[in-house]
Amino acid sequence: MLATLPIAASESSGGSFLVQPGIGLMVWTLIVFGVSLLLLWRLAFPAISEALEKRQKLIEESIDSAQRTKTEAEDLLTEYRERLKEARAQAEEIVTRARKAGETHERESLEAAKVSREELLAQTRRDIEAETRRAIQEIRREVADLTVAATERVTRKTLNEDDQRRLVEEALSELDFTALGERR
């Protein structure tokens, strides 16, 4: 019953000892808390603070590195796009030059063919004219020979050279050789 007495006495005074703190206990609790805080402040907090600072620096460096990498990637992408534009422009220029060269070559070929055709036609005309003159000369000789032969038969005598020439000139003047040259 004695053991129950202090519990009963304390309960009769207003409640449990945990609810009513004692001053001594409170002072010792504050002293232990202060010493613990002091020890933590001197020993643990600097190490924790240093670890947090290292972690912060590491994170900041990682962020800076990521920013540099991102900037470099953006620069490379911009450079790549510029080079791609230049390559496309060069390709278009090459195609344009090739097209122009093809058109120029075609035009020059057509002009060369036209010139060649004109030269061939002119040469053919010259050949035809030369052949026509040669044929006319041959016809004149034959006509002259036939005229001389016909005259000899008619007159039954041989003409001298002046008479032959006169008769040939008269016969030739009666013939129209210009009509032969125009028939081409």
C-alpha atoms as a PDB file:
ATOM      1  CA  MET A   1       0.000   0.000   0.000  1.00  0.00           C
ATOM      2  CA  LEU A   2       2.874   2.311   0.457  1.00  0.00           C
ATOM      3  CA  ALA A   3       3.776   2.023  -3.164  1.00  0.00           C
ATOM      4  CA  THR A   4       0.376   2.992  -4.118  1.00  0.00           C
ATOM      5  CA  LEU A   5       0.463   5.902  -1.891  1.00  0.00           C
ATOM      6  CA  PRO A   6       2.838   8.154  -3.812  1.00  0.00           C
ATOM      7  CA  ILE A   7       0.924   7.422  -6.977  1.00  0.00           C
ATOM      8  CA  ALA A   8      -2.240   8.231  -5.202  1.00  0.00           C
ATOM      9  CA  ALA A   9      -0.697  11.333  -3.691  1.00  0.00           C
ATOM     10  CA  SER A  10       0.554  12.541  -6.986  1.00  0.00           C
ATOM     11  CA  GLU A  11      -2.745  11.820  -8.612  1.00  0.00           C
ATOM     12  CA  SER A  12      -4.518  13.675  -5.897  1.00  0.00           C
ATOM     13  CA  SER A  13      -2.404  16.754  -6.471  1.00  0.00           C
ATOM     14  CA  GLY A  14      -3.681  17.167  -9.983  1.00  0.00           C
ATOM     15  CA  GLY A  15      -2.405  14.550 -12.341  1.00  0.00           C
ATOM     16  CA  SER A  16       0.598  12.641 -13.600  1.00  0.00           C
ATOM     17  CA  PHE A  17       4.229  13.767 -13.159  1.00  0.00           C
ATOM     18  CA  LEU A  18       4.540  13.802 -16.952  1.00  0.00           C
ATOM     19  CA  VAL A  19       1.865  16.410 -17.248  1.00  0.00           C
ATOM     20  CA  GLN A  20       3.243  18.575 -14.508  1.00  0.00           C
ATOM     21  CA  PRO A  21       6.912  19.145 -15.153  1.00  0.00           C
ATOM     22  CA  GLY A  22       9.290  19.762 -12.407  1.00  0.00           C
ATOM     23  CA  ILE A  23      11.629  22.749 -12.539  1.00  0.00           C
ATOM     24  CA  GLY A  24      14.719  20.663 -11.920  1.00  0.00           C
ATOM     25  CA  LEU A  25      13.895  18.301 -14.690  1.00  0.00           C
ATOM     26  CA  MET A  26      13.245  21.200 -16.989  1.00  0.00           C
ATOM     27  CA  VAL A  27      16.614  22.801 -16.218  1.00  0.00           C
ATOM     28  CA  TRP A  28      18.491  19.568 -16.772  1.00  0.00           C
ATOM     29  CA  THR A  29      16.620  18.986 -20.013  1.00  0.00           C
ATOM     30  CA  LEU A  30      17.552  22.453 -21.198  1.00  0.00           C
ATOM     31  CA  ILE A  31      21.207  21.965 -20.225  1.00  0.00           C
ATOM     32  CA  VAL A  32      21.387  18.609 -22.024  1.00  0.00           C
ATOM     33  CA  PHE A  33      19.642  20.151 -25.018  1.00  0.00           C
ATOM     34  CA  GLY A  34      22.097  23.094 -25.025  1.00  0.00           C
ATOM     35  CA  VAL A  35      25.131  20.782 -24.742  1.00  0.00           C
ATOM     36  CA  SER A  36      23.758  18.562 -27.486  1.00  0.00           C
ATOM     37  CA  LEU A  37      23.100  21.595 -29.619  1.00  0.00           C
ATOM     38  CA  LEU A  38      26.594  22.921 -28.915  1.00  0.00           C
ATOM     39  CA  LEU A  39      28.178  19.576 -29.802  1.00  0.00           C
ATOM     40  CA  LEU A  40      26.087  19.322 -32.919  1.00  0.00           C
ATOM     41  CA  TRP A  41      26.951  22.940 -33.807  1.00  0.00           C
ATOM     42  CA  ARG A  42      30.678  22.325 -33.363  1.00  0.00           C
ATOM     43  CA  LEU A  43      31.010  18.828 -34.728  1.00  0.00           C
ATOM     44  CA  ALA A  44      28.088  17.704 -36.863  1.00  0.00           C
ATOM     45  CA  PHE A  45      26.759  20.890 -38.445  1.00  0.00           C
ATOM     46  CA  PRO A  46      30.092  21.914 -40.086  1.00  0.00           C
ATOM     47  CA  ALA A  47      30.436  18.443 -41.623  1.00  0.00           C
ATOM     48  CA  ILE A  48      26.803  18.481 -42.745  1.00  0.00           C
ATOM     49  CA  SER A  49      27.180  22.047 -44.019  1.00  0.00           C
ATOM     50  CA  GLU A  50      30.374  21.138 -45.888  1.00  0.00           C
ATOM     51  CA  ALA A  51      28.700  18.086 -47.435  1.00  0.00           C
ATOM     52  CA  LEU A  52      25.705  20.229 -48.443  1.00  0.00           C
ATOM     53  CA  GLU A  53      28.004  22.875 -49.953  1.00  0.00           C
ATOM     54  CA  LYS A  54      29.910  20.192 -51.897  1.00  0.00           C
ATOM     55  CA  ARG A  55      26.641  18.756 -53.091  1.00  0.00           C
ATOM     56  CA  GLN A  56      25.414  22.238 -54.049  1.00  0.00           C
ATOM     57  CA  LYS A  57      28.641  22.961 -55.952  1.00  0.00           C
ATOM     58  CA  LEU A  58      28.419  19.595 -57.697  1.00  0.00           C
ATOM     59  CA  ILE A  59      24.825  20.279 -58.698  1.00  0.00           C
ATOM     60  CA  GLU A  60      25.712  23.814 -59.889  1.00  0.00           C
ATOM     61  CA  GLU A  61      28.638  22.430 -61.906  1.00  0.00           C
ATOM     62  CA  SER A  62      26.370  19.784 -63.404  1.00  0.00           C
ATOM     63  CA  ILE A  63      23.833  22.457 -64.312  1.00  0.00           C
ATOM     64  CA  ASP A  64      26.578  24.668 -65.805  1.00  0.00           C
ATOM     65  CA  SER A  65      27.968  21.698 -67.716  1.00  0.00           C
ATOM     66  CA  ALA A  66      24.499  20.837 -68.979  1.00  0.00           C
ATOM     67  CA  GLN A  67      23.980  24.484 -70.022  1.00  0.00           C
ATOM     68  CA  ARG A  68      27.341  24.505 -71.862  1.00  0.00           C
ATOM     69  CA  THR A  69      26.502  21.208 -73.532  1.00  0.00           C
ATOM     70  CA  LYS A  70      23.079  22.524 -74.505  1.00  0.00           C
ATOM     71  CA  THR A  71      24.611  25.741 -75.888  1.00  0.00           C
ATOM     72  CA  GLU A  72      27.225  23.772 -77.824  1.00  0.00           C
ATOM     73  CA  ALA A  73      24.526  21.465 -79.183  1.00  0.00           C
ATOM     74  CA  GLU A  74      22.436  24.455 -80.253  1.00  0.00           C
ATOM     75  CA  ASP A  75      25.504  26.035 -81.906  1.00  0.00           C
ATOM     76  CA  LEU A  76      26.280  22.780 -83.702  1.00  0.00           C
ATOM     77  CA  LEU A  77      22.661  22.466 -84.803  1.00  0.00           C
ATOM     78  CA  THR A  78      22.700  26.044 -86.108  1.00  0.00           C
ATOM     79  CA  GLU A  79      25.979  25.410 -87.916  1.00  0.00           C
ATOM     80  CA  TYR A  80      24.624  22.156 -89.341  1.00  0.00           C
ATOM     81  CA  ARG A  81      21.503  23.914 -90.610  1.00  0.00           C
ATOM     82  CA  GLU A  82      23.603  26.667 -92.199  1.00  0.00           C
ATOM     83  CA  ARG A  83      25.837  24.093 -93.893  1.00  0.00           C
ATOM     84  CA  LEU A  84      22.772  22.206 -95.065  1.00  0.00           C
ATOM     85  CA  LYS A  85      21.362  25.429 -96.543  1.00  0.00           C
ATOM     86  CA  GLU A  86      24.698  26.118 -98.235  1.00  0.00           C
ATOM     87  CA  ALA A  87      24.829  22.565 -99.596  1.00  0.00           C
ATOM     88  CA  ARG A  88      21.291  22.889-100.949  1.00  0.00           C
ATOM     89  CA  ALA A  89      22.130  26.251-102.515  1.00  0.00           C
ATOM     90  CA  GLN A  90      25.261  24.781-104.086  1.00  0.00           C
ATOM     91  CA  ALA A  91      23.292  21.803-105.378  1.00  0.00           C
ATOM     92  CA  GLU A  92      20.682  24.120-106.883  1.00  0.00           C
ATOM     93  CA  GLU A  93      23.450  26.230-108.420  1.00  0.00           C
ATOM     94  CA  ILE A  94      25.102  23.138-109.912  1.00  0.00           C
ATOM     95  CA  VAL A  95      21.783  21.967-111.343  1.00  0.00           C
ATOM     96  CA  THR A  96      21.113  25.443-112.761  1.00  0.00           C
ATOM     97  CA  ARG A  97      24.590  25.636-114.308  1.00  0.00           C
ATOM     98  CA  ALA A  98      24.216  22.131-115.748  1.00  0.00           C
ATOM     99  CA  ARG A  99      20.821  23.032-117.191  1.00  0.00           C
ATOM    100  CA  LYS A 100      22.216  26.239-118.694  1.00  0.00           C
ATOM    101  CA  ALA A 101      25.228  24.367-120.068  1.00  0.00           C
ATOM    102  CA  GLY A 102      22.905  21.777-121.610  1.00  0.00           C
ATOM    103  CA  GLU A 103      20.734  24.464-123.160  1.00  0.00           C
ATOM    104  CA  THR A 104      23.811  26.311-124.429  1.00  0.00           C
ATOM    105  CA  HIS A 105      25.251  23.113-125.871  1.00  0.00           C
ATOM    106  CA  GLU A 106      21.931  22.290-127.524  1.00  0.00           C
ATOM    107  CA  ARG A 107      21.660  25.804-128.959  1.00  0.00           C
ATOM    108  CA  GLU A 108      25.258  25.693-130.196  1.00  0.00           C
ATOM    109  CA  SER A 109      24.675  22.259-131.721  1.00  0.00           C
ATOM    110  CA  LEU A 110      21.564  23.506-133.500  1.00  0.00           C
ATOM    111  CA  GLU A 111      23.411  26.575-134.753  1.00  0.00           C
ATOM    112  CA  ALA A 112      26.361  24.454-135.888  1.00  0.00           C
ATOM    113  CA  ALA A 113      23.988  22.073-137.665  1.00  0.00           C
ATOM    114  CA  LYS A 114      22.227  25.020-139.297  1.00  0.00           C
ATOM    115  CA  VAL A 115      25.542  26.516-140.439  1.00  0.00           C
ATOM    116  CA  SER A 116      26.685  23.113-141.707  1.00  0.00           C
ATOM    117  CA  ARG A 117      23.412  22.660-143.580  1.00  0.00           C
ATOM    118  CA  GLU A 118      23.706  26.131-145.126  1.00  0.00           C
ATOM    119  CA  GLU A 119      27.300  25.430-146.167  1.00  0.00           C
ATOM    120  CA  LEU A 120      26.265  22.090-147.641  1.00  0.00           C
ATOM    121  CA  LEU A 121      23.392  23.742-149.527  1.00  0.00           C
ATOM    122  CA  ALA A 122      25.691  26.474-150.812  1.00  0.00           C
ATOM    123  CA  GLN A 123      28.268  23.895-151.899  1.00  0.00           C
ATOM    124  CA  THR A 124      25.533  21.870-153.590  1.00  0.00           C
ATOM    125  CA  ARG A 125      24.291  24.992-155.404  1.00  0.00           C
ATOM    126  CA  ARG A 126      27.837  25.789-156.523  1.00  0.00           C
ATOM    127  CA  ASP A 127      28.269  22.210-157.730  1.00  0.00           C
ATOM    128  CA  ILE A 128      24.951  22.356-159.591  1.00  0.00           C
ATOM    129  CA  GLU A 129      25.866  25.682-161.182  1.00  0.00           C
ATOM    130  CA  ALA A 130      29.293  24.349-162.194  1.00  0.00           C
ATOM    131  CA  GLU A 131      27.717  21.227-163.646  1.00  0.00           C
ATOM    132  CA  THR A 132      25.130  23.348-165.439  1.00  0.00           C
ATOM    133  CA  ARG A 133      27.858  25.571-166.954  1.00  0.00           C
ATOM    134  CA  ARG A 134      29.860  22.502-167.934  1.00  0.00           C
ATOM    135  CA  ALA A 135      26.775  20.924-169.518  1.00  0.00           C
ATOM    136  CA  ILE A 136      25.976  24.175-171.355  1.00  0.00           C
ATOM    137  CA  GLN A 137      29.546  24.353-172.643  1.00  0.00           C
ATOM    138  CA  GLU A 138      29.303  20.749-173.762  1.00  0.00           C
ATOM    139  CA  ILE A 139      25.965  21.434-175.479  1.00  0.00           C
ATOM    140  CA  ARG A 140      27.472  24.477-177.210  1.00  0.00           C
ATOM    141  CA  ARG A 141      30.335  22.378-178.541  1.00  0.00           C
ATOM    142  CA  GLU A 142      27.956  19.710-179.739  1.00  0.00           C
ATOM    143  CA  VAL A 143      25.674  22.308-181.341  1.00  0.00           C
ATOM    144  CA  ALA A 144      28.673  23.894-182.999  1.00  0.00           C
ATOM    145  CA  ASP A 145      29.861  20.529-184.292  1.00  0.00           C
ATOM    146  CA  LEU A 146      26.338  19.663-185.484  1.00  0.00           C
ATOM    147  CA  THR A 147      25.978  23.060-187.124  1.00  0.00           C
ATOM    148  CA  VAL A 148      29.254  22.615-188.949  1.00  0.00           C
ATOM    149  CA  ALA A 149      28.266  19.123-190.031  1.00  0.00           C
ATOM    150  CA  ALA A 150      24.832  20.291-191.169  1.00  0.00           C
ATOM    151  CA  THR A 151      26.289  23.223-193.037  1.00  0.00           C
ATOM    152  CA  GLU A 152      28.767  20.987-194.785  1.00  0.00           C
ATOM    153  CA  ARG A 153      26.015  18.700-195.899  1.00  0.00           C
ATOM    154  CA  VAL A 154      23.899  21.573-197.119  1.00  0.00           C
ATOM    155  CA  THR A 155      26.654  23.291-198.960  1.00  0.00           C
ATOM    156  CA  ARG A 156      28.551  20.121-199.669  1.00  0.00           C
ATOM    157  CA  LYS A 157      31.722  21.800-199.160  1.00  0.00           C
ATOM    158  CA  THR A 158      34.158  22.408-196.373  1.00  0.00           C
ATOM    159  CA  LEU A 159      34.005  25.791-194.777  1.00  0.00           C
ATOM    160  CA  ASN A 160      37.061  27.695-193.757  1.00  0.00           C
ATOM    161  CA  GLU A 161      37.591  28.566-190.153  1.00  0.00           C
ATOM    162  CA  ASP A 162      36.125  32.085-190.302  1.00  0.00           C
ATOM    163  CA  ASP A 163      32.959  30.832-191.938  1.00  0.00           C
ATOM    164  CA  GLN A 164      32.622  28.083-189.333  1.00  0.00           C
ATOM    165  CA  ARG A 165      33.046  30.549-186.496  1.00  0.00           C
ATOM    166  CA  ARG A 166      30.491  32.948-187.971  1.00  0.00           C
ATOM    167  CA  LEU A 167      27.934  30.165-188.444  1.00  0.00           C
ATOM    168  CA  VAL A 168      28.485  28.857-184.909  1.00  0.00           C
ATOM    169  CA  GLU A 169      28.011  32.341-183.424  1.00  0.00           C
ATOM    170  CA  GLU A 170      24.794  32.811-185.368  1.00  0.00           C
ATOM    171  CA  ALA A 171      23.455  29.432-184.273  1.00  0.00           C
ATOM    172  CA  LEU A 172      24.378  30.043-180.675  1.00  0.00           C
ATOM    173  CA  SER A 173      22.787  33.464-180.650  1.00  0.00           C
ATOM    174  CA  GLU A 174      19.520  31.901-181.799  1.00  0.00           C
ATOM    175  CA  LEU A 175      19.507  29.398-178.905  1.00  0.00           C
ATOM    176  CA  ASP A 176      18.223  30.462-175.423  1.00  0.00           C
ATOM    177  CA  PHE A 177      20.699  28.992-172.905  1.00  0.00           C
ATOM    178  CA  THR A 178      19.391  31.029-169.979  1.00  0.00           C
ATOM    179  CA  ALA A 179      16.305  28.805-169.815  1.00  0.00           C
ATOM    180  CA  LEU A 180      18.586  25.806-169.218  1.00  0.00           C
ATOM    181  CA  GLY A 181      20.361  27.487-166.290  1.00  0.00           C
ATOM    182  CA  GLU A 182      17.106  28.488-164.559  1.00  0.00           C
ATOM    183  CA  ARG A 183      15.526  24.997-164.419  1.00  0.00           C
ATOM    184  CA  ARG A 184      17.390  23.855-161.305  1.00  0.00           C
END
